[in-house]
């Protein structure tokens, strides 16, 4: 495995410079079943060695525990790391399976102070609105976020799972550096409205779940049968029952392209996402999640794979054939509002 560092890109007009691939840290302590904390910490260090500099978490991951988990690593490498966290998804500790969305100013101010405390930092490099509360004007929420920038608590602003129209309204209040949305061979709904808006405004696209939450790597076939009872993916329609079987069959072209490159299916899925930057003319910084050093080495190596036009054509139809929505409740996603 080569130790070549990945290239850098500007995270939106005026945004920070980051590696062209980031790291999603959620699974290191939340949502995807048992984890090895020591290996996860070593994975953070290995990612940085390979040029990954954007590290992504959120206050809702483990009710703040994920922020606490990555804090020592961030503090040890503060000048090298671009730290991203989020607010807006609220879980009551008394009802941890129930999610609500809050974008109101009092909650936002409470949330940022909590994240700063748990992360033990003076400023958050990239602060996202995790989900959109449609009952509160987005201009109001972003206006409060802009105050955090002026107060020195946040450097850059981001939005997650917003529509193209919502992004335009927000950007008119304060520059948005990045939009984080699901984008992969299995999930391409953002290409209709979000991607054109991102490109028009000079915003970066930060795809989460670019590996289809591991499904595109072949690491599991049916969530009900293959994953532990506490794994979040068991709640997702496309990974269970008949949907899972139908979707597993869609991976054959991915495996064929992977064989031609001497690569893994996951690397081809990541290469496809990375290549959308050139196809659409905008910065694209996917944040595949992993908690293993070998996986982060594999993932970063995918940034050096270039797919041919014929290979892209073979992969093109996959998303249109996927069975099942990406969430049981799509109202939490931008696609549910477009």
Protein backbone atom coordinates (compact mmCIF):
# COMPACT_ATOMS: atom_id res chain seq x y z
CA UNK A 1 0.00 0.00 0.00
CA UNK A 2 1.48 3.28 -1.10
CA UNK A 3 1.92 6.07 1.41
CA UNK A 4 1.32 8.81 -1.18
CA UNK A 5 -0.60 11.70 0.31
CA UNK A 6 -3.84 12.70 -1.33
CA UNK A 7 -4.18 16.03 -3.15
CA UNK A 8 -5.75 19.15 -1.65
CA UNK A 9 -8.71 21.28 -2.72
CA UNK A 10 -10.33 24.48 -1.50
CA UNK A 11 -13.53 23.73 0.40
CA UNK A 12 -15.73 26.21 -1.44
CA UNK A 13 -14.88 29.77 -2.45
CA UNK A 14 -13.00 31.27 0.47
CA UNK A 15 -13.15 28.03 2.42
CA UNK A 16 -10.24 26.16 4.00
CA UNK A 17 -7.88 23.95 2.02
CA UNK A 18 -8.47 20.27 2.78
CA UNK A 19 -7.55 16.87 1.42
CA UNK A 20 -9.80 15.80 -1.46
CA UNK A 21 -11.15 13.08 0.80
CA UNK A 22 -12.24 13.57 4.41
CA UNK A 23 -13.10 11.14 7.18
CA UNK A 24 -16.52 10.57 8.70
CA UNK A 25 -16.00 9.79 12.37
CA UNK A 26 -19.55 8.82 13.38
CA UNK A 27 -19.04 5.06 13.29
CA UNK A 28 -16.03 5.22 15.59
CA UNK A 29 -18.34 5.41 18.57
CA UNK A 30 -21.93 5.41 17.30
CA UNK A 31 -24.56 3.77 15.06
CA UNK A 32 -22.64 0.89 13.46
CA UNK A 33 -22.34 -1.63 16.26
CA UNK A 34 -19.30 -2.60 18.37
CA UNK A 35 -16.03 -0.77 17.79
CA UNK A 36 -12.38 -1.01 18.84
CA UNK A 37 -11.53 2.39 20.35
CA UNK A 38 -7.76 1.92 20.08
CA UNK A 39 -7.96 0.97 16.41
CA UNK A 40 -10.30 3.91 15.76
CA UNK A 41 -7.79 6.31 17.33
CA UNK A 42 -5.01 4.80 15.23
CA UNK A 43 -7.21 5.27 12.16
CA UNK A 44 -7.49 8.99 12.87
CA UNK A 45 -3.69 9.26 12.99
CA UNK A 46 -3.25 7.17 9.84
CA UNK A 47 -5.76 9.27 7.93
CA UNK A 48 -3.84 12.43 8.76
CA UNK A 49 -0.58 10.83 7.62
CA UNK A 50 -2.23 10.12 4.26
CA UNK A 51 -3.34 13.73 3.77
CA UNK A 52 -6.89 13.54 5.12
CA UNK A 53 -7.48 16.81 6.98
CA UNK A 54 -11.30 17.21 7.11
CA UNK A 55 -12.67 15.27 10.09
CA UNK A 56 -16.43 15.16 10.48
CA UNK A 57 -18.59 14.60 13.56
CA UNK A 58 -21.86 15.92 15.05
CA UNK A 59 -23.32 16.64 18.45
CA UNK A 60 -26.04 14.01 17.97
CA UNK A 61 -23.62 11.12 17.40
CA UNK A 62 -23.83 9.23 20.67
CA UNK A 63 -25.35 12.28 22.37
CA UNK A 64 -22.01 14.10 22.21
CA UNK A 65 -19.77 11.10 22.85
CA UNK A 66 -18.35 11.13 19.33
CA UNK A 67 -17.18 14.72 19.75
CA UNK A 68 -15.52 13.75 23.02
CA UNK A 69 -13.91 10.74 21.35
CA UNK A 70 -12.13 12.71 18.63
CA UNK A 71 -11.24 15.67 20.87
CA UNK A 72 -7.77 14.44 21.97
CA UNK A 73 -6.79 13.79 18.35
CA UNK A 74 -8.01 17.21 17.22
CA UNK A 75 -6.18 19.00 20.04
CA UNK A 76 -2.94 17.11 19.30
CA UNK A 77 -3.06 18.22 15.64
CA UNK A 78 -5.05 21.43 15.85
CA UNK A 79 -3.12 23.32 13.17
CA UNK A 80 -3.36 20.42 10.70
CA UNK A 81 -7.01 19.44 11.16
CA UNK A 82 -10.14 21.07 9.73
CA UNK A 83 -12.80 20.17 12.27
CA UNK A 84 -16.44 19.88 11.20
CA UNK A 85 -19.36 19.31 13.52
CA UNK A 86 -23.12 19.87 13.31
CA UNK A 87 -26.21 20.96 15.21
CA UNK A 88 -29.91 20.59 14.52
CA UNK A 89 -30.75 16.94 15.16
CA UNK A 90 -31.94 16.53 18.73
CA UNK A 91 -32.23 13.30 20.69
CA UNK A 92 -33.71 13.27 24.16
CA UNK A 93 -31.56 11.02 26.40
CA UNK A 94 -34.83 9.67 27.81
CA UNK A 95 -35.95 8.66 24.29
CA UNK A 96 -32.72 8.12 22.33
CA UNK A 97 -34.45 6.48 19.34
CA UNK A 98 -36.61 9.54 18.69
CA UNK A 99 -35.15 12.33 16.56
CA UNK A 100 -36.46 15.87 16.26
CA UNK A 101 -35.10 18.85 14.35
CA UNK A 102 -34.31 22.16 16.04
CA UNK A 103 -32.95 25.23 14.26
CA UNK A 104 -34.16 27.90 16.68
CA UNK A 105 -31.67 30.48 17.95
CA UNK A 106 -31.73 29.52 21.66
CA UNK A 107 -31.07 25.88 20.81
CA UNK A 108 -28.36 26.77 18.28
CA UNK A 109 -26.49 28.87 20.82
CA UNK A 110 -26.80 26.10 23.40
CA UNK A 111 -25.60 23.55 20.84
CA UNK A 112 -22.46 25.41 19.77
CA UNK A 113 -21.38 25.94 23.37
CA UNK A 114 -21.88 22.24 24.04
CA UNK A 115 -19.80 21.24 21.02
CA UNK A 116 -17.00 23.66 21.89
CA UNK A 117 -16.93 22.23 25.41
CA UNK A 118 -16.95 18.56 24.38
CA UNK A 119 -14.37 19.09 21.63
CA UNK A 120 -12.34 21.28 23.98
CA UNK A 121 -11.51 23.80 21.25
CA UNK A 122 -11.88 27.56 20.99
CA UNK A 123 -13.30 27.59 17.47
CA UNK A 124 -15.06 25.14 15.13
CA UNK A 125 -13.63 25.25 11.62
CA UNK A 126 -16.83 24.21 9.80
CA UNK A 127 -20.21 24.30 11.52
CA UNK A 128 -23.14 22.63 9.77
CA UNK A 129 -26.86 22.90 10.21
CA UNK A 130 -27.43 19.14 10.31
CA UNK A 131 -31.07 19.13 9.22
CA UNK A 132 -33.61 21.77 8.18
CA UNK A 133 -36.52 22.75 10.40
CA UNK A 134 -39.07 23.93 7.84
CA UNK A 135 -40.97 25.87 10.50
CA UNK A 136 -38.10 28.33 10.95
CA UNK A 137 -36.91 30.55 8.07
CA UNK A 138 -33.48 29.37 7.00
CA UNK A 139 -32.41 33.02 6.82
CA UNK A 140 -33.03 33.28 10.56
CA UNK A 141 -30.97 30.20 11.39
CA UNK A 142 -28.08 31.19 9.11
CA UNK A 143 -28.24 34.70 10.53
CA UNK A 144 -27.54 33.29 13.97
CA UNK A 145 -24.80 31.07 12.55
CA UNK A 146 -23.24 34.18 10.99
CA UNK A 147 -23.20 35.80 14.43
CA UNK A 148 -21.12 32.85 15.65
CA UNK A 149 -18.59 33.60 12.91
CA UNK A 150 -18.40 37.25 13.97
CA UNK A 151 -17.98 36.16 17.60
CA UNK A 152 -15.03 33.92 16.67
CA UNK A 153 -16.69 30.66 17.70
CA UNK A 154 -16.99 29.34 14.13
CA UNK A 155 -14.85 29.93 11.04
CA UNK A 156 -16.99 28.63 8.14
CA UNK A 157 -20.63 27.66 7.71
CA UNK A 158 -22.12 24.53 6.19
CA UNK A 159 -25.55 23.05 5.56
CA UNK A 160 -26.60 19.42 5.38
CA UNK A 161 -29.47 17.93 3.38
CA UNK A 162 -30.81 21.24 2.04
CA UNK A 163 -32.50 21.87 -1.28
CA UNK A 164 -31.05 24.09 -3.97
CA UNK A 165 -33.51 26.84 -3.09
CA UNK A 166 -32.68 26.63 0.61
CA UNK A 167 -28.98 26.88 -0.19
CA UNK A 168 -29.52 30.00 -2.28
CA UNK A 169 -31.56 31.65 0.48
CA UNK A 170 -28.92 30.79 3.07
CA UNK A 171 -25.99 31.91 0.92
CA UNK A 172 -27.62 35.32 0.48
CA UNK A 173 -27.34 35.82 4.26
CA UNK A 174 -23.78 34.53 4.72
CA UNK A 175 -21.36 32.60 2.45
CA UNK A 176 -21.78 28.85 2.76
CA UNK A 177 -18.55 26.88 2.38
CA UNK A 178 -19.98 23.38 2.01
CA UNK A 179 -23.15 21.38 1.60
CA UNK A 180 -23.14 17.87 3.01
CA UNK A 181 -25.56 15.44 1.39
CA UNK A 182 -25.71 11.77 0.58
CA UNK A 183 -24.20 11.11 -2.87
CA UNK A 184 -23.10 7.75 -4.21
CA UNK A 185 -23.68 5.22 -6.95
CA UNK A 186 -26.87 4.34 -5.03
CA UNK A 187 -28.03 7.88 -4.13
CA UNK A 188 -28.12 10.58 -6.79
CA UNK A 189 -31.25 12.62 -6.05
CA UNK A 190 -29.18 15.74 -5.29
CA UNK A 191 -28.08 16.02 -8.92
CA UNK A 192 -31.43 17.54 -9.94
CA UNK A 193 -31.44 20.67 -7.77
CA UNK A 194 -28.67 20.73 -5.19
CA UNK A 195 -25.64 20.17 -7.42
CA UNK A 196 -26.52 23.00 -9.86
CA UNK A 197 -26.97 25.41 -6.94
CA UNK A 198 -23.71 24.35 -5.34
CA UNK A 199 -21.84 24.85 -8.61
CA UNK A 200 -23.50 28.23 -9.28
CA UNK A 201 -22.58 29.60 -5.83
CA UNK A 202 -19.02 28.26 -5.60
CA UNK A 203 -19.86 25.95 -2.70
CA UNK A 204 -18.17 22.60 -2.06
CA UNK A 205 -20.11 19.35 -2.01
CA UNK A 206 -19.25 16.99 0.85
CA UNK A 207 -20.86 13.62 0.10
CA UNK A 208 -21.62 11.50 3.13
CA UNK A 209 -22.15 7.73 2.84
CA UNK A 210 -20.29 7.61 -0.52
CA UNK A 211 -19.91 3.87 0.08
CA UNK A 212 -23.64 3.38 0.61
CA UNK A 213 -23.03 2.88 4.34
CA UNK A 214 -20.78 -0.07 3.49
CA UNK A 215 -23.24 -1.83 1.18
CA UNK A 216 -21.25 -0.84 -1.93
CA UNK A 217 -18.14 -2.49 -0.48
CA UNK A 218 -19.92 -5.82 -0.05
CA UNK A 219 -19.26 -5.78 3.69
CA UNK A 220 -22.86 -6.84 4.28
CA UNK A 221 -25.72 -8.07 2.09
CA UNK A 222 -28.79 -7.96 4.33
CA UNK A 223 -28.79 -5.72 7.40
CA UNK A 224 -31.29 -7.91 9.29
CA UNK A 225 -29.13 -10.99 8.89
CA UNK A 226 -25.60 -9.61 8.82
CA UNK A 227 -25.56 -6.71 11.30
CA UNK A 228 -25.95 -6.47 15.07
CA UNK A 229 -29.28 -5.44 16.57
CA UNK A 230 -27.97 -1.98 17.52
CA UNK A 231 -26.80 -1.15 13.97
CA UNK A 232 -28.58 1.90 12.53
CA UNK A 233 -28.60 0.40 9.03
CA UNK A 234 -31.26 -2.10 10.06
CA UNK A 235 -33.75 0.80 9.97
CA UNK A 236 -32.97 1.70 6.34
CA UNK A 237 -35.38 0.27 3.75
CA UNK A 238 -32.85 -0.43 1.02
CA UNK A 239 -30.73 -2.70 3.21
CA UNK A 240 -33.40 -5.12 4.42
CA UNK A 241 -35.77 -7.76 3.04
CA UNK A 242 -36.40 -8.04 -0.68
CA UNK A 243 -34.85 -4.61 -1.27
CA UNK A 244 -31.49 -5.80 0.01
CA UNK A 245 -31.48 -8.82 -2.30
CA UNK A 246 -32.44 -6.69 -5.31
CA UNK A 247 -29.80 -4.10 -4.53
CA UNK A 248 -27.04 -6.65 -3.97
CA UNK A 249 -27.56 -7.79 -7.55
CA UNK A 250 -26.81 -4.26 -8.76
CA UNK A 251 -23.22 -4.51 -7.56
CA UNK A 252 -22.08 -6.81 -10.38
CA UNK A 253 -20.96 -3.95 -12.70
CA UNK A 254 -19.07 -2.36 -9.77
CA UNK A 255 -17.22 -5.62 -9.19
CA UNK A 256 -16.42 -5.95 -12.90
CA UNK A 257 -14.93 -2.44 -13.08
CA UNK A 258 -13.03 -3.10 -9.87
CA UNK A 259 -11.48 -6.24 -11.32
CA UNK A 260 -10.32 -4.32 -14.38
CA UNK A 261 -8.50 -1.84 -12.13
CA UNK A 262 -7.17 -4.39 -9.65
CA UNK A 263 -9.19 -2.50 -7.07
CA UNK A 264 -11.95 -3.20 -4.57
CA UNK A 265 -15.62 -2.40 -5.26
CA UNK A 266 -15.45 0.23 -2.53
CA UNK A 267 -12.58 1.97 -4.29
CA UNK A 268 -14.57 2.12 -7.52
CA UNK A 269 -17.55 3.59 -5.66
CA UNK A 270 -15.28 6.25 -4.16
CA UNK A 271 -13.52 6.94 -7.45
CA UNK A 272 -16.94 7.51 -9.04
CA UNK A 273 -17.84 10.10 -6.39
CA UNK A 274 -14.46 11.84 -6.66
CA UNK A 275 -14.80 12.00 -10.44
CA UNK A 276 -18.06 13.95 -10.18
CA UNK A 277 -15.89 16.99 -9.34
CA UNK A 278 -14.61 17.11 -12.91
CA UNK A 279 -17.92 16.11 -14.48
CA UNK A 280 -19.94 18.80 -12.69
CA UNK A 281 -17.20 21.42 -12.24
CA UNK A 282 -17.26 21.84 -8.46
CA UNK A 283 -15.15 20.81 -5.44
CA UNK A 284 -16.18 17.37 -4.13
CA UNK A 285 -14.79 16.08 -0.82
CA UNK A 286 -16.42 12.78 0.19
CA UNK A 287 -16.21 11.70 3.83
CA UNK A 288 -16.29 7.89 3.88
CA UNK A 289 -16.52 6.62 7.42
CA UNK A 290 -14.23 3.94 8.74
CA UNK A 291 -12.63 2.89 12.01
CA UNK A 292 -9.84 0.73 10.55
CA UNK A 293 -6.43 1.80 9.27
CA UNK A 294 -6.53 -0.66 6.39
CA UNK A 295 -9.79 0.83 5.18
CA UNK A 296 -8.57 4.42 5.28
CA UNK A 297 -5.52 3.34 3.26
CA UNK A 298 -7.81 1.67 0.74
CA UNK A 299 -10.16 4.65 0.62
CA UNK A 300 -7.49 7.28 0.06
CA UNK A 301 -5.88 5.17 -2.67
CA UNK A 302 -9.17 5.45 -4.55
CA UNK A 303 -8.46 9.15 -5.17
CA UNK A 304 -5.86 8.04 -7.71
CA UNK A 305 -8.22 5.83 -9.75
CA UNK A 306 -9.56 7.39 -12.95
CA UNK A 307 -12.58 5.73 -14.52
CA UNK A 308 -12.96 5.72 -18.30
CA UNK A 309 -16.01 7.04 -20.11
CA UNK A 310 -17.05 3.46 -20.88
CA UNK A 311 -16.76 2.50 -17.21
CA UNK A 312 -18.77 5.54 -16.13
CA UNK A 313 -21.43 4.55 -18.66
CA UNK A 314 -21.60 1.04 -17.19
CA UNK A 315 -22.09 2.46 -13.70
CA UNK A 316 -24.55 5.17 -14.76
CA UNK A 317 -27.83 3.16 -14.55
CA UNK A 318 -27.31 1.73 -11.08
CA UNK A 319 -28.95 4.46 -9.00
CA UNK A 320 -32.16 4.41 -11.03
CA UNK A 321 -32.61 0.71 -10.21
CA UNK A 322 -32.09 0.90 -6.44
CA UNK A 323 -35.01 -0.49 -4.43
CA UNK A 324 -36.09 1.34 -1.28
CA UNK A 325 -35.58 4.85 0.04
CA UNK A 326 -32.37 5.86 1.80
CA UNK A 327 -34.31 6.68 5.00
CA UNK A 328 -37.56 5.30 6.40
CA UNK A 329 -38.65 8.94 6.82
CA UNK A 330 -37.47 10.97 3.85
CA UNK A 331 -38.83 14.23 5.30
CA UNK A 332 -35.44 14.59 7.02
CA UNK A 333 -33.73 14.73 3.59
CA UNK A 334 -33.55 17.37 0.88
CA UNK A 335 -35.18 14.96 -1.59
CA UNK A 336 -38.30 14.95 0.57
CA UNK A 337 -38.68 18.72 0.00
CA UNK A 338 -37.56 19.21 -3.62
